[in-house]
PDB file of N, CA and C in Angstrom:
ATOM      1  N   MET A   1      19.366  73.358  -1.884  1.00  0.00           N
ATOM      2  CA  MET A   1      19.549  74.618  -2.567  1.00  0.00           C
ATOM      3  C   MET A   1      20.852  75.247  -2.080  1.00  0.00           C
ATOM      4  N   SER A   2      21.595  75.877  -2.992  1.00  0.00           N
ATOM      5  CA  SER A   2      22.837  76.532  -2.584  1.00  0.00           C
ATOM      6  C   SER A   2      22.832  77.966  -3.078  1.00  0.00           C
ATOM      7  N   GLY A   3      23.656  78.773  -2.444  1.00  0.00           N
ATOM      8  CA  GLY A   3      23.764  80.161  -2.836  1.00  0.00           C
ATOM      9  C   GLY A   3      24.759  80.885  -1.953  1.00  0.00           C
ATOM     10  N   ALA A   4      25.057  82.108  -2.294  1.00  0.00           N
ATOM     11  CA  ALA A   4      25.955  82.925  -1.480  1.00  0.00           C
ATOM     12  C   ALA A   4      25.155  83.499  -0.319  1.00  0.00           C
ATOM     13  N   THR A   5      25.758  83.501   0.857  1.00  0.00           N
ATOM     14  CA  THR A   5      25.073  84.025   2.034  1.00  0.00           C
ATOM     15  C   THR A   5      25.917  85.104   2.689  1.00  0.00           C
ATOM     16  N   CYS A   6      25.285  85.874   3.534  1.00  0.00           N
ATOM     17  CA  CYS A   6      25.956  86.935   4.272  1.00  0.00           C
ATOM     18  C   CYS A   6      26.890  86.321   5.314  1.00  0.00           C
ATOM     19  N   ASP A   7      28.142  86.731   5.300  1.00  0.00           N
ATOM     20  CA  ASP A   7      29.096  86.270   6.310  1.00  0.00           C
ATOM     21  C   ASP A   7      29.001  87.097   7.582  1.00  0.00           C
ATOM     22  N   GLY A   8      28.196  88.147   7.567  1.00  0.00           N
ATOM     23  CA  GLY A   8      28.003  88.955   8.766  1.00  0.00           C
ATOM     24  C   GLY A   8      26.973  88.315   9.679  1.00  0.00           C
ATOM     25  N   CYS A   9      25.701  88.372   9.273  1.00  0.00           N
ATOM     26  CA  CYS A   9      24.614  87.860  10.120  1.00  0.00           C
ATOM     27  C   CYS A   9      24.184  86.454   9.743  1.00  0.00           C
ATOM     28  N   GLY A  10      24.493  86.024   8.522  1.00  0.00           N
ATOM     29  CA  GLY A  10      24.136  84.681   8.097  1.00  0.00           C
ATOM     30  C   GLY A  10      22.738  84.538   7.554  1.00  0.00           C
ATOM     31  N   GLU A  11      21.925  85.575   7.587  1.00  0.00           N
ATOM     32  CA  GLU A  11      20.530  85.445   7.160  1.00  0.00           C
ATOM     33  C   GLU A  11      20.079  86.469   6.133  1.00  0.00           C
ATOM     34  N   GLY A  12      20.781  87.556   5.989  1.00  0.00           N
ATOM     35  CA  GLY A  12      20.311  88.622   5.115  1.00  0.00           C
ATOM     36  C   GLY A  12      20.404  88.290   3.643  1.00  0.00           C
ATOM     37  N   SER A  13      19.645  89.018   2.857  1.00  0.00           N
ATOM     38  CA  SER A  13      19.683  88.896   1.407  1.00  0.00           C
ATOM     39  C   SER A  13      20.785  89.793   0.865  1.00  0.00           C
ATOM     40  N   LEU A  14      21.582  89.261  -0.053  1.00  0.00           N
ATOM     41  CA  LEU A  14      22.651  90.049  -0.654  1.00  0.00           C
ATOM     42  C   LEU A  14      22.095  90.766  -1.873  1.00  0.00           C
ATOM     43  N   LEU A  15      22.069  92.088  -1.782  1.00  0.00           N
ATOM     44  CA  LEU A  15      21.506  92.923  -2.838  1.00  0.00           C
ATOM     45  C   LEU A  15      22.617  93.717  -3.523  1.00  0.00           C
ATOM     46  N   PRO A  16      22.424  94.070  -4.810  1.00  0.00           N
ATOM     47  CA  PRO A  16      23.433  94.874  -5.501  1.00  0.00           C
ATOM     48  C   PRO A  16      23.740  96.162  -4.730  1.00  0.00           C
ATOM     49  N   ASP A  17      25.027  96.511  -4.694  1.00  0.00           N
ATOM     50  CA  ASP A  17      25.477  97.699  -3.969  1.00  0.00           C
ATOM     51  C   ASP A  17      26.243  98.600  -4.936  1.00  0.00           C
ATOM     52  N   GLN A  18      25.583  99.667  -5.401  1.00  0.00           N
ATOM     53  CA  GLN A  18      26.179 100.565  -6.391  1.00  0.00           C
ATOM     54  C   GLN A  18      27.469 101.221  -5.896  1.00  0.00           C
ATOM     55  N   LYS A  19      27.600 101.404  -4.580  1.00  0.00           N
ATOM     56  CA  LYS A  19      28.772 102.075  -4.016  1.00  0.00           C
ATOM     57  C   LYS A  19      29.858 101.093  -3.589  1.00  0.00           C
ATOM     58  N   GLY A  20      29.605  99.795  -3.719  1.00  0.00           N
ATOM     59  CA  GLY A  20      30.533  98.780  -3.251  1.00  0.00           C
ATOM     60  C   GLY A  20      31.740  98.609  -4.160  1.00  0.00           C
ATOM     61  N   LYS A  21      32.644  97.735  -3.708  1.00  0.00           N
ATOM     62  CA  LYS A  21      33.877  97.465  -4.448  1.00  0.00           C
ATOM     63  C   LYS A  21      33.812  96.079  -5.062  1.00  0.00           C
ATOM     64  N   GLY A  22      34.534  95.897  -6.160  1.00  0.00           N
ATOM     65  CA  GLY A  22      34.618  94.593  -6.800  1.00  0.00           C
ATOM     66  C   GLY A  22      33.865  94.536  -8.108  1.00  0.00           C
ATOM     67  N   VAL A  23      33.869  93.343  -8.711  1.00  0.00           N
ATOM     68  CA  VAL A  23      33.220  93.139 -10.002  1.00  0.00           C
ATOM     69  C   VAL A  23      31.708  93.181  -9.865  1.00  0.00           C
ATOM     70  N   GLU A  24      31.189  92.506  -8.829  1.00  0.00           N
ATOM     71  CA  GLU A  24      29.741  92.456  -8.595  1.00  0.00           C
ATOM     72  C   GLU A  24      29.468  92.748  -7.115  1.00  0.00           C
ATOM     73  N   PRO A  25      29.554  94.039  -6.711  1.00  0.00           N
ATOM     74  CA  PRO A  25      29.412  94.381  -5.289  1.00  0.00           C
ATOM     75  C   PRO A  25      27.990  94.160  -4.775  1.00  0.00           C
ATOM     76  N   VAL A  26      27.919  93.586  -3.571  1.00  0.00           N
ATOM     77  CA  VAL A  26      26.640  93.346  -2.910  1.00  0.00           C
ATOM     78  C   VAL A  26      26.755  93.768  -1.454  1.00  0.00           C
ATOM     79  N   ALA A  27      25.590  94.024  -0.837  1.00  0.00           N
ATOM     80  CA  ALA A  27      25.536  94.345   0.595  1.00  0.00           C
ATOM     81  C   ALA A  27      24.330  93.630   1.183  1.00  0.00           C
ATOM     82  N   CYS A  28      24.455  93.219   2.429  1.00  0.00           N
ATOM     83  CA  CYS A  28      23.372  92.536   3.130  1.00  0.00           C
ATOM     84  C   CYS A  28      22.299  93.546   3.515  1.00  0.00           C
ATOM     85  N   ASP A  29      21.043  93.195   3.241  1.00  0.00           N
ATOM     86  CA  ASP A  29      19.951  94.109   3.576  1.00  0.00           C
ATOM     87  C   ASP A  29      19.634  94.120   5.068  1.00  0.00           C
ATOM     88  N   LEU A  30      20.156  93.163   5.830  1.00  0.00           N
ATOM     89  CA  LEU A  30      19.903  93.133   7.275  1.00  0.00           C
ATOM     90  C   LEU A  30      20.991  93.836   8.077  1.00  0.00           C
ATOM     91  N   CYS A  31      22.255  93.457   7.830  1.00  0.00           N
ATOM     92  CA  CYS A  31      23.321  93.944   8.704  1.00  0.00           C
ATOM     93  C   CYS A  31      24.293  94.911   8.028  1.00  0.00           C
ATOM     94  N   GLY A  32      24.235  95.051   6.712  1.00  0.00           N
ATOM     95  CA  GLY A  32      25.108  95.984   6.024  1.00  0.00           C
ATOM     96  C   GLY A  32      26.439  95.409   5.586  1.00  0.00           C
ATOM     97  N   TRP A  33      26.707  94.124   5.854  1.00  0.00           N
ATOM     98  CA  TRP A  33      27.956  93.484   5.443  1.00  0.00           C
ATOM     99  C   TRP A  33      28.089  93.595   3.933  1.00  0.00           C
ATOM    100  N   ALA A  34      29.292  93.876   3.422  1.00  0.00           N
ATOM    101  CA  ALA A  34      29.498  94.084   1.990  1.00  0.00           C
ATOM    102  C   ALA A  34      30.603  93.177   1.468  1.00  0.00           C
ATOM    103  N   ALA A  35      30.475  92.778   0.198  1.00  0.00           N
ATOM    104  CA  ALA A  35      31.461  91.903  -0.429  1.00  0.00           C
ATOM    105  C   ALA A  35      31.296  91.952  -1.947  1.00  0.00           C
ATOM    106  N   ASP A  36      32.194  91.251  -2.630  1.00  0.00           N
ATOM    107  CA  ASP A  36      32.084  91.053  -4.069  1.00  0.00           C
ATOM    108  C   ASP A  36      31.463  89.678  -4.281  1.00  0.00           C
ATOM    109  N   LEU A  37      30.283  89.621  -4.875  1.00  0.00           N
ATOM    110  CA  LEU A  37      29.546  88.373  -5.050  1.00  0.00           C
ATOM    111  C   LEU A  37      30.373  87.326  -5.798  1.00  0.00           C
ATOM    112  N   ARG A  38      31.202  87.751  -6.722  1.00  0.00           N
ATOM    113  CA  ARG A  38      32.004  86.817  -7.513  1.00  0.00           C
ATOM    114  C   ARG A  38      33.068  86.104  -6.672  1.00  0.00           C
ATOM    115  N   GLU A  39      33.423  86.688  -5.525  1.00  0.00           N
ATOM    116  CA  GLU A  39      34.458  86.095  -4.674  1.00  0.00           C
ATOM    117  C   GLU A  39      33.881  85.233  -3.549  1.00  0.00           C
ATOM    118  N   LEU A  40      32.549  85.178  -3.424  1.00  0.00           N
ATOM    119  CA  LEU A  40      31.924  84.431  -2.334  1.00  0.00           C
ATOM    120  C   LEU A  40      31.684  82.978  -2.721  1.00  0.00           C
ATOM    121  N   PRO A  41      31.971  82.057  -1.794  1.00  0.00           N
ATOM    122  CA  PRO A  41      31.665  80.655  -2.074  1.00  0.00           C
ATOM    123  C   PRO A  41      30.168  80.407  -1.952  1.00  0.00           C
ATOM    124  N   ARG A  42      29.689  79.405  -2.659  1.00  0.00           N
ATOM    125  CA  ARG A  42      28.291  79.014  -2.539  1.00  0.00           C
ATOM    126  C   ARG A  42      28.182  78.070  -1.352  1.00  0.00           C
ATOM    127  N   LYS A  43      27.110  78.210  -0.592  1.00  0.00           N
ATOM    128  CA  LYS A  43      26.894  77.366   0.579  1.00  0.00           C
ATOM    129  C   LYS A  43      25.543  76.677   0.458  1.00  0.00           C
ATOM    130  N   TRP A  44      25.470  75.480   0.998  1.00  0.00           N
ATOM    131  CA  TRP A  44      24.199  74.761   1.013  1.00  0.00           C
ATOM    132  C   TRP A  44      23.349  75.293   2.143  1.00  0.00           C
ATOM    133  N   MET A  45      22.106  75.596   1.833  1.00  0.00           N
ATOM    134  CA  MET A  45      21.175  76.141   2.814  1.00  0.00           C
ATOM    135  C   MET A  45      20.468  74.999   3.540  1.00  0.00           C
ATOM    136  N   GLY A  46      20.247  75.169   4.812  1.00  0.00           N
ATOM    137  CA  GLY A  46      19.498  74.184   5.578  1.00  0.00           C
ATOM    138  C   GLY A  46      18.014  74.313   5.311  1.00  0.00           C
ATOM    139  N   ASN A  47      17.300  73.226   5.386  1.00  0.00           N
ATOM    140  CA  ASN A  47      15.852  73.249   5.155  1.00  0.00           C
ATOM    141  C   ASN A  47      15.073  73.662   6.392  1.00  0.00           C
ATOM    142  N   ASP A  48      15.676  73.478   7.556  1.00  0.00           N
ATOM    143  CA  ASP A  48      14.970  73.795   8.801  1.00  0.00           C
ATOM    144  C   ASP A  48      15.412  75.152   9.314  1.00  0.00           C
ATOM    145  N   GLY A  49      14.507  76.064   9.407  1.00  0.00           N
ATOM    146  CA  GLY A  49      14.811  77.405   9.885  1.00  0.00           C
ATOM    147  C   GLY A  49      14.351  77.586  11.319  1.00  0.00           C
ATOM    148  N   VAL A  50      14.943  78.538  11.985  1.00  0.00           N
ATOM    149  CA  VAL A  50      14.514  78.820  13.352  1.00  0.00           C
ATOM    150  C   VAL A  50      13.192  79.584  13.303  1.00  0.00           C
ATOM    151  N   PRO A  51      12.313  79.382  14.286  1.00  0.00           N
ATOM    152  CA  PRO A  51      10.986  80.013  14.232  1.00  0.00           C
ATOM    153  C   PRO A  51      11.033  81.537  14.366  1.00  0.00           C
ATOM    154  N   TRP A  52      12.047  82.087  14.998  1.00  0.00           N
ATOM    155  CA  TRP A  52      12.126  83.526  15.224  1.00  0.00           C
ATOM    156  C   TRP A  52      13.407  84.002  14.567  1.00  0.00           C
ATOM    157  N   THR A  53      13.344  84.304  13.274  1.00  0.00           N
ATOM    158  CA  THR A  53      14.541  84.621  12.512  1.00  0.00           C
ATOM    159  C   THR A  53      15.070  86.012  12.844  1.00  0.00           C
ATOM    160  N   LYS A  54      16.298  86.238  12.432  1.00  0.00           N
ATOM    161  CA  LYS A  54      16.901  87.550  12.650  1.00  0.00           C
ATOM    162  C   LYS A  54      16.114  88.635  11.929  1.00  0.00           C
ATOM    163  N   ARG A  55      15.629  88.320  10.734  1.00  0.00           N
ATOM    164  CA  ARG A  55      14.846  89.310   9.975  1.00  0.00           C
ATOM    165  C   ARG A  55      13.584  89.692  10.751  1.00  0.00           C
ATOM    166  N   GLU A  56      12.888  88.702  11.287  1.00  0.00           N
ATOM    167  CA  GLU A  56      11.668  88.988  12.049  1.00  0.00           C
ATOM    168  C   GLU A  56      11.985  89.809  13.292  1.00  0.00           C
ATOM    169  N   ARG A  57      13.074  89.466  13.975  1.00  0.00           N
ATOM    170  CA  ARG A  57      13.460  90.208  15.174  1.00  0.00           C
ATOM    171  C   ARG A  57      13.856  91.643  14.823  1.00  0.00           C
ATOM    172  N   LYS A  58      14.539  91.836  13.684  1.00  0.00           N
ATOM    173  CA  LYS A  58      14.930  93.192  13.292  1.00  0.00           C
ATOM    174  C   LYS A  58      13.698  94.025  12.953  1.00  0.00           C
ATOM    175  N   VAL A  59      12.778  93.444  12.201  1.00  0.00           N
ATOM    176  CA  VAL A  59      11.546  94.152  11.833  1.00  0.00           C
ATOM    177  C   VAL A  59      10.755  94.525  13.079  1.00  0.00           C
ATOM    178  N   ALA A  60      10.773  93.641  14.084  1.00  0.00           N
ATOM    179  CA  ALA A  60      10.029  93.877  15.326  1.00  0.00           C
ATOM    180  C   ALA A  60      10.765  94.831  16.276  1.00  0.00           C
ATOM    181  N   GLY A  61      11.948  95.304  15.881  1.00  0.00           N
ATOM    182  CA  GLY A  61      12.698  96.215  16.744  1.00  0.00           C
ATOM    183  C   GLY A  61      13.372  95.511  17.911  1.00  0.00           C
ATOM    184  N   ARG A  62      13.651  94.212  17.761  1.00  0.00           N
ATOM    185  CA  ARG A  62      14.265  93.423  18.830  1.00  0.00           C
ATOM    186  C   ARG A  62      15.687  92.980  18.491  1.00  0.00           C
ATOM    187  N   LEU A  63      16.232  93.451  17.350  1.00  0.00           N
ATOM    188  CA  LEU A  63      17.590  93.098  16.943  1.00  0.00           C
ATOM    189  C   LEU A  63      18.212  94.278  16.206  1.00  0.00           C
ATOM    190  N   PHE A  64      19.432  94.625  16.616  1.00  0.00           N
ATOM    191  CA  PHE A  64      20.170  95.719  16.003  1.00  0.00           C
ATOM    192  C   PHE A  64      21.578  95.226  15.709  1.00  0.00           C
ATOM    193  N   PHE A  65      22.093  95.573  14.534  1.00  0.00           N
ATOM    194  CA  PHE A  65      23.437  95.182  14.129  1.00  0.00           C
ATOM    195  C   PHE A  65      24.361  96.391  14.253  1.00  0.00           C
ATOM    196  N   LEU A  66      25.400  96.246  15.055  1.00  0.00           N
ATOM    197  CA  LEU A  66      26.389  97.297  15.252  1.00  0.00           C
ATOM    198  C   LEU A  66      27.720  96.799  14.726  1.00  0.00           C
ATOM    199  N   TRP A  67      28.306  97.536  13.798  1.00  0.00           N
ATOM    200  CA  TRP A  67      29.635  97.216  13.270  1.00  0.00           C
ATOM    201  C   TRP A  67      30.661  98.038  14.036  1.00  0.00           C
ATOM    202  N   VAL A  68      31.728  97.382  14.488  1.00  0.00           N
ATOM    203  CA  VAL A  68      32.813  98.061  15.185  1.00  0.00           C
ATOM    204  C   VAL A  68      34.098  97.794  14.403  1.00  0.00           C
ATOM    205  N   HIS A  69      34.696  98.857  13.877  1.00  0.00           N
ATOM    206  CA  HIS A  69      35.952  98.768  13.136  1.00  0.00           C
ATOM    207  C   HIS A  69      37.066  99.238  14.068  1.00  0.00           C
ATOM    208  N   SER A  70      38.066  98.383  14.256  1.00  0.00           N
ATOM    209  CA  SER A  70      39.166  98.744  15.153  1.00  0.00           C
ATOM    210  C   SER A  70      40.497  98.389  14.511  1.00  0.00           C
ATOM    211  N   ASP A  71      41.577  98.723  15.223  1.00  0.00           N
ATOM    212  CA  ASP A  71      42.887  98.370  14.690  1.00  0.00           C
ATOM    213  C   ASP A  71      43.169  96.876  14.854  1.00  0.00           C
ATOM    214  N   GLY A  72      42.331  96.161  15.620  1.00  0.00           N
ATOM    215  CA  GLY A  72      42.428  94.714  15.748  1.00  0.00           C
ATOM    216  C   GLY A  72      43.549  94.206  16.626  1.00  0.00           C
ATOM    217  N   THR A  73      44.336  95.111  17.199  1.00  0.00           N
ATOM    218  CA  THR A  73      45.470  94.671  18.022  1.00  0.00           C
ATOM    219  C   THR A  73      45.355  95.144  19.464  1.00  0.00           C
ATOM    220  N   ASN A  74      44.337  95.930  19.760  1.00  0.00           N
ATOM    221  CA  ASN A  74      44.206  96.521  21.080  1.00  0.00           C
ATOM    222  C   ASN A  74      43.144  95.781  21.892  1.00  0.00           C
ATOM    223  N   ASP A  75      43.600  94.801  22.710  1.00  0.00           N
ATOM    224  CA  ASP A  75      42.649  94.040  23.530  1.00  0.00           C
ATOM    225  C   ASP A  75      41.913  94.942  24.510  1.00  0.00           C
ATOM    226  N   ASP A  76      42.569  95.988  24.965  1.00  0.00           N
ATOM    227  CA  ASP A  76      41.952  96.922  25.901  1.00  0.00           C
ATOM    228  C   ASP A  76      40.724  97.579  25.265  1.00  0.00           C
ATOM    229  N   ALA A  77      40.833  97.907  23.979  1.00  0.00           N
ATOM    230  CA  ALA A  77      39.712  98.526  23.273  1.00  0.00           C
ATOM    231  C   ALA A  77      38.523  97.567  23.220  1.00  0.00           C
ATOM    232  N   VAL A  78      38.787  96.284  22.989  1.00  0.00           N
ATOM    233  CA  VAL A  78      37.712  95.289  22.930  1.00  0.00           C
ATOM    234  C   VAL A  78      36.987  95.232  24.273  1.00  0.00           C
ATOM    235  N   PHE A  79      37.749  95.210  25.371  1.00  0.00           N
ATOM    236  CA  PHE A  79      37.128  95.159  26.693  1.00  0.00           C
ATOM    237  C   PHE A  79      36.343  96.433  26.995  1.00  0.00           C
ATOM    238  N   GLN A  80      36.826  97.582  26.523  1.00  0.00           N
ATOM    239  CA  GLN A  80      36.094  98.824  26.732  1.00  0.00           C
ATOM    240  C   GLN A  80      34.773  98.809  25.951  1.00  0.00           C
ATOM    241  N   VAL A  81      34.821  98.311  24.713  1.00  0.00           N
ATOM    242  CA  VAL A  81      33.606  98.220  23.894  1.00  0.00           C
ATOM    243  C   VAL A  81      32.608  97.281  24.567  1.00  0.00           C
ATOM    244  N   MET A  82      33.097  96.134  25.053  1.00  0.00           N
ATOM    245  CA  MET A  82      32.225  95.184  25.737  1.00  0.00           C
ATOM    246  C   MET A  82      31.585  95.818  26.967  1.00  0.00           C
ATOM    247  N   ASP A  83      32.355  96.596  27.710  1.00  0.00           N
ATOM    248  CA  ASP A  83      31.844  97.257  28.905  1.00  0.00           C
ATOM    249  C   ASP A  83      30.764  98.280  28.553  1.00  0.00           C
ATOM    250  N   ILE A  84      31.013  99.076  27.528  1.00  0.00           N
ATOM    251  CA  ILE A  84      30.054 100.104  27.109  1.00  0.00           C
ATOM    252  C   ILE A  84      28.736  99.468  26.663  1.00  0.00           C
ATOM    253  N   LEU A  85      28.830  98.354  25.943  1.00  0.00           N
ATOM    254  CA  LEU A  85      27.631  97.707  25.387  1.00  0.00           C
ATOM    255  C   LEU A  85      27.024  96.669  26.321  1.00  0.00           C
ATOM    256  N   GLY A  86      27.708  96.356  27.411  1.00  0.00           N
ATOM    257  CA  GLY A  86      27.198  95.362  28.349  1.00  0.00           C
ATOM    258  C   GLY A  86      27.277  93.940  27.810  1.00  0.00           C
ATOM    259  N   LEU A  87      28.351  93.634  27.073  1.00  0.00           N
ATOM    260  CA  LEU A  87      28.516  92.322  26.452  1.00  0.00           C
ATOM    261  C   LEU A  87      29.369  91.400  27.317  1.00  0.00           C
ATOM    262  N   GLN A  88      29.108  90.098  27.210  1.00  0.00           N
ATOM    263  CA  GLN A  88      29.917  89.088  27.887  1.00  0.00           C
ATOM    264  C   GLN A  88      31.094  88.653  27.018  1.00  0.00           C
ATOM    265  N   SER A  89      30.907  88.685  25.698  1.00  0.00           N
ATOM    266  CA  SER A  89      31.972  88.297  24.776  1.00  0.00           C
ATOM    267  C   SER A  89      31.791  89.048  23.460  1.00  0.00           C
ATOM    268  N   MET A  90      32.893  89.066  22.686  1.00  0.00           N
ATOM    269  CA  MET A  90      32.865  89.797  21.416  1.00  0.00           C
ATOM    270  C   MET A  90      34.093  89.409  20.603  1.00  0.00           C
ATOM    271  N   SER A  91      33.973  89.416  19.305  1.00  0.00           N
ATOM    272  CA  SER A  91      35.100  89.154  18.420  1.00  0.00           C
ATOM    273  C   SER A  91      36.092  90.310  18.511  1.00  0.00           C
ATOM    274  N   SER A  92      37.367  89.990  18.404  1.00  0.00           N
ATOM    275  CA  SER A  92      38.380  91.054  18.468  1.00  0.00           C
ATOM    276  C   SER A  92      39.017  91.302  17.108  1.00  0.00           C
ATOM    277  N   SER A  93      38.298  91.000  16.037  1.00  0.00           N
ATOM    278  CA  SER A  93      38.837  91.222  14.698  1.00  0.00           C
ATOM    279  C   SER A  93      38.744  92.697  14.312  1.00  0.00           C
ATOM    280  N   ALA A  94      39.364  93.040  13.197  1.00  0.00           N
ATOM    281  CA  ALA A  94      39.377  94.439  12.749  1.00  0.00           C
ATOM    282  C   ALA A  94      37.979  94.948  12.422  1.00  0.00           C
ATOM    283  N   GLU A  95      37.088  94.058  11.971  1.00  0.00           N
ATOM    284  CA  GLU A  95      35.687  94.406  11.716  1.00  0.00           C
ATOM    285  C   GLU A  95      34.833  93.408  12.474  1.00  0.00           C
ATOM    286  N   SER A  96      34.137  93.862  13.493  1.00  0.00           N
ATOM    287  CA  SER A  96      33.307  92.982  14.309  1.00  0.00           C
ATOM    288  C   SER A  96      31.842  93.369  14.178  1.00  0.00           C
ATOM    289  N   LEU A  97      30.997  92.368  13.988  1.00  0.00           N
ATOM    290  CA  LEU A  97      29.553  92.583  13.951  1.00  0.00           C
ATOM    291  C   LEU A  97      28.986  92.165  15.297  1.00  0.00           C
ATOM    292  N   VAL A  98      28.306  93.088  15.952  1.00  0.00           N
ATOM    293  CA  VAL A  98      27.714  92.824  17.258  1.00  0.00           C
ATOM    294  C   VAL A  98      26.196  92.843  17.097  1.00  0.00           C
ATOM    295  N   GLU A  99      25.542  91.773  17.566  1.00  0.00           N
ATOM    296  CA  GLU A  99      24.083  91.694  17.524  1.00  0.00           C
ATOM    297  C   GLU A  99      23.557  92.111  18.890  1.00  0.00           C
ATOM    298  N   LEU A 100      22.714  93.138  18.909  1.00  0.00           N
ATOM    299  CA  LEU A 100      22.177  93.680  20.164  1.00  0.00           C
ATOM    300  C   LEU A 100      20.656  93.561  20.190  1.00  0.00           C
ATOM    301  N   GLU A 101      20.113  93.322  21.378  1.00  0.00           N
ATOM    302  CA  GLU A 101      18.662  93.226  21.522  1.00  0.00           C
ATOM    303  C   GLU A 101      18.010  94.583  21.747  1.00  0.00           C
ATOM    304  N   ALA A 102      18.802  95.589  22.072  1.00  0.00           N
ATOM    305  CA  ALA A 102      18.293  96.950  22.259  1.00  0.00           C
ATOM    306  C   ALA A 102      19.174  97.908  21.472  1.00  0.00           C
ATOM    307  N   LYS A 103      18.566  98.948  20.954  1.00  0.00           N
ATOM    308  CA  LYS A 103      19.314  99.934  20.187  1.00  0.00           C
ATOM    309  C   LYS A 103      20.240 100.709  21.120  1.00  0.00           C
ATOM    310  N   PRO A 104      21.528 100.804  20.746  1.00  0.00           N
ATOM    311  CA  PRO A 104      22.442 101.574  21.603  1.00  0.00           C
ATOM    312  C   PRO A 104      22.050 103.053  21.616  1.00  0.00           C
ATOM    313  N   THR A 105      22.211 103.672  22.758  1.00  0.00           N
ATOM    314  CA  THR A 105      21.861 105.088  22.892  1.00  0.00           C
ATOM    315  C   THR A 105      22.906 105.946  22.190  1.00  0.00           C
ATOM    316  N   PRO A 106      22.564 107.181  21.854  1.00  0.00           N
ATOM    317  CA  PRO A 106      23.557 108.082  21.273  1.00  0.00           C
ATOM    318  C   PRO A 106      24.771 108.242  22.184  1.00  0.00           C
ATOM    319  N   GLU A 107      24.557 108.229  23.500  1.00  0.00           N
ATOM    320  CA  GLU A 107      25.664 108.358  24.438  1.00  0.00           C
ATOM    321  C   GLU A 107      26.620 107.163  24.326  1.00  0.00           C
ATOM    322  N   MET A 108      26.055 105.967  24.155  1.00  0.00           N
ATOM    323  CA  MET A 108      26.885 104.770  23.999  1.00  0.00           C
ATOM    324  C   MET A 108      27.725 104.870  22.733  1.00  0.00           C
ATOM    325  N   LEU A 109      27.121 105.335  21.634  1.00  0.00           N
ATOM    326  CA  LEU A 109      27.839 105.474  20.371  1.00  0.00           C
ATOM    327  C   LEU A 109      28.950 106.515  20.488  1.00  0.00           C
ATOM    328  N   GLU A 110      28.685 107.598  21.230  1.00  0.00           N
ATOM    329  CA  GLU A 110      29.711 108.619  21.455  1.00  0.00           C
ATOM    330  C   GLU A 110      30.878 108.048  22.261  1.00  0.00           C
ATOM    331  N   LYS A 111      30.567 107.249  23.282  1.00  0.00           N
ATOM    332  CA  LYS A 111      31.624 106.613  24.081  1.00  0.00           C
ATOM    333  C   LYS A 111      32.457 105.663  23.228  1.00  0.00           C
ATOM    334  N   LEU A 112      31.801 104.901  22.359  1.00  0.00           N
ATOM    335  CA  LEU A 112      32.523 103.985  21.471  1.00  0.00           C
ATOM    336  C   LEU A 112      33.479 104.749  20.563  1.00  0.00           C
ATOM    337  N   ALA A 113      33.031 105.892  20.062  1.00  0.00           N
ATOM    338  CA  ALA A 113      33.858 106.698  19.164  1.00  0.00           C
ATOM    339  C   ALA A 113      35.107 107.227  19.861  1.00  0.00           C
ATOM    340  N   ARG A 114      35.047 107.359  21.183  1.00  0.00           N
ATOM    341  CA  ARG A 114      36.193 107.882  21.934  1.00  0.00           C
ATOM    342  C   ARG A 114      37.165 106.799  22.402  1.00  0.00           C
ATOM    343  N   VAL A 115      36.827 105.529  22.207  1.00  0.00           N
ATOM    344  CA  VAL A 115      37.711 104.447  22.644  1.00  0.00           C
ATOM    345  C   VAL A 115      38.947 104.412  21.752  1.00  0.00           C
ATOM    346  N   LYS A 116      40.121 104.460  22.384  1.00  0.00           N
ATOM    347  CA  LYS A 116      41.376 104.400  21.629  1.00  0.00           C
ATOM    348  C   LYS A 116      41.494 103.028  20.977  1.00  0.00           C
ATOM    349  N   GLY A 117      41.672 103.004  19.671  1.00  0.00           N
ATOM    350  CA  GLY A 117      41.750 101.758  18.917  1.00  0.00           C
ATOM    351  C   GLY A 117      40.505 101.488  18.101  1.00  0.00           C
ATOM    352  N   VAL A 118      39.398 102.168  18.393  1.00  0.00           N
ATOM    353  CA  VAL A 118      38.176 102.026  17.602  1.00  0.00           C
ATOM    354  C   VAL A 118      38.200 103.119  16.531  1.00  0.00           C
ATOM    355  N   ARG A 119      38.197 102.683  15.262  1.00  0.00           N
ATOM    356  CA  ARG A 119      38.222 103.633  14.150  1.00  0.00           C
ATOM    357  C   ARG A 119      36.829 104.132  13.801  1.00  0.00           C
ATOM    358  N   LYS A 120      35.838 103.225  13.929  1.00  0.00           N
ATOM    359  CA  LYS A 120      34.478 103.580  13.509  1.00  0.00           C
ATOM    360  C   LYS A 120      33.508 102.583  14.130  1.00  0.00           C
ATOM    361  N   ALA A 121      32.348 103.062  14.536  1.00  0.00           N
ATOM    362  CA  ALA A 121      31.256 102.209  15.015  1.00  0.00           C
ATOM    363  C   ALA A 121      29.976 102.726  14.388  1.00  0.00           C
ATOM    364  N   TRP A 122      29.222 101.845  13.738  1.00  0.00           N
ATOM    365  CA  TRP A 122      28.005 102.293  13.075  1.00  0.00           C
ATOM    366  C   TRP A 122      26.909 101.236  13.137  1.00  0.00           C
ATOM    367  N   LEU A 123      25.693 101.719  13.238  1.00  0.00           N
ATOM    368  CA  LEU A 123      24.510 100.860  13.250  1.00  0.00           C
ATOM    369  C   LEU A 123      24.051 100.614  11.826  1.00  0.00           C
ATOM    370  N   SER A 124      23.784  99.351  11.529  1.00  0.00           N
ATOM    371  CA  SER A 124      23.232  99.029  10.219  1.00  0.00           C
ATOM    372  C   SER A 124      21.810  99.573  10.141  1.00  0.00           C
ATOM    373  N   PRO A 125      21.432 100.131   8.991  1.00  0.00           N
ATOM    374  CA  PRO A 125      20.070 100.679   8.878  1.00  0.00           C
ATOM    375  C   PRO A 125      18.993  99.621   9.007  1.00  0.00           C
TER     376      PRO A 125
END
């Protein structure tokens, strides 16, 4: 079976997004990643799934998706974000999706907002 998949978390369902951009805007119901469905390549799905999926972990309150938007050129900002969140590694792209096992505290989100080079940090609903 083939179909378009979320490039953010890799597991979410792509649903129509009335506020999105493009010809056929969609957003992931798990992590909030957004795209134009017409521009996404189709991918072959594997038949074997992991026993504890991201969806199950999110429903159980054991997985949280945090999007960090930055200028993408400030390595110092990436290290500060990693320090605030207690991460060992993280993507340094302009839009990074971070998977967390615990919900970040309001204080952590406030600290992220103050990091020079971070434009926006938000938790997927």
